[in-house]
Amino acid sequence: MLNRSIAQLVLALLVVGALPARGAEEPYDFYAILSLSGPAAFLGRGEQITLGAAERYINASGGIKSHPIHFVVQDDQSSPAIAVQLASQVFAKHVPAFIGPSFGATCTALLPLVNNGPVMYCLANVIHPPNGSYAFSANPSTKDFTAAAFRYLKAKGVRKIALLTSTDASGQDGEQVALDDLRSPEFADLQLVANEHFATSDLTVAAQIARIKAAGAQAIDAWTTGTPFGTVLRGVQEGAYDGIVMTNGGNINKTQMGQYAQFIPRDMIFTAPPYMTLGSIPARVRQAKAVYLEAMRQIGVTTPDQTQLIAWDPMLIMIDALRHIGLDATSTQIRDYMLKLHDFAGINGMYDFRRGDQRGVDPLSSPIVRWDKAGDTFVTISKPGGLPL
């Protein structure tokens, strides 16, 4: 309660203090490429809400060198081809940095386009940017996410596992990192008994679920996001599969859970961002969370979910770079600033980009959560790294 009160007071004072200056300077346009429609709209719409809260908060705390910020959001319609078209238009404006896209396929499509800038902060964790590149990725990597879930499953006695992945870039990455993790000595006790695929446009996965059941899988690693995940859940129900269904944090979305309520399996787990970790956290991270929650509360969001968490830290990190360098910052200056950034308190923990993974967060910081339908919330059920509580 004390942290919340402090955050409320700070935000209130900042809003009052910042208002007179807003009209004095031209706004700084910061571009975002998000999926506001199409299969990944669950992600993009949540991220857009967060950018609205971030714009209000950043401007209340002085903007960038007294210039208010304005987020210009472009809808890539969950299409890699459209994301490339929009990126070309944004790049023509000589922007030094942008935020997005929202999910794996669109981030993957833009990755080769930013070899020489601008800085891209992808909001999906499926890309694995080279150290020192202009691409950054939110959250621990998909490999770290999957390893956390495998640790949880192993501790729960699971020995036979199946993969069910979509054939898009996100699904392909999900399959690859799962196979990589299963080759690790840590998971030698886990046996891959089925490896099934489906297209994001498929209307059913009945055949895949039937083969997974026949193989005796105790758990399914269902790696896809958004609308195709609903197809998986319907297949699980219609195929009467009663094992554990695990999926990635991109599906931690209350709206999505509401729409798929009648298909939700009895036992379903999600890899979650470090934000959802229970227990002791550094005081500065606790304060960062209090400020974030108050900023979201001021726009009417009282209990944010994963889609509304993703964009907050990446946005503030890039704003921090602009505040230190100035509005004439180049993409190289922003990249170099971020690569050296450490001891940055975000809602996902203390960031240190010197670790060289273009993410900055502890790879062992992700917990496992489950959906509590009765409580209309996601409940954390593991320690950071995946071991059960």
Foldseek 3Di string as FASTA:
>chain_A
DVLLVVLVVVLVQLQVVLVVLAVVAAAAEAEEEEACAAQLVLQRVLQVLLVVLVQSRCSSNQPAVNHRYDYDYHHQNPDLVSLVVVVVVVVVVVDQEHEEYGEQQNCVSCVVVAQPDRAYEYLYQLDFDFFLGSYFYAFFHLLLLLQQALQQCVLVPFAEEEEEFEPGRQRVSNVVSNVVSCPDPVNVSHDYQYYHYHHLPDQAPQVVVVSCVVSVGQEYEYEDAGPSVLRVLQNCVVNVPQHEYEYEQNHFGLVNCVVSVVRDHPHYKYWHFLLQADDDADPLLVSQVSNSQVSSVVVPDNDRTRSNQRVVVVVVLLSVQCNVPHPVDHSSSSSVVSCQDWQDHHSRHTFGNVVRRSHRHDSQRIFMWDQDPVVSHIGTQPHRNHHGD
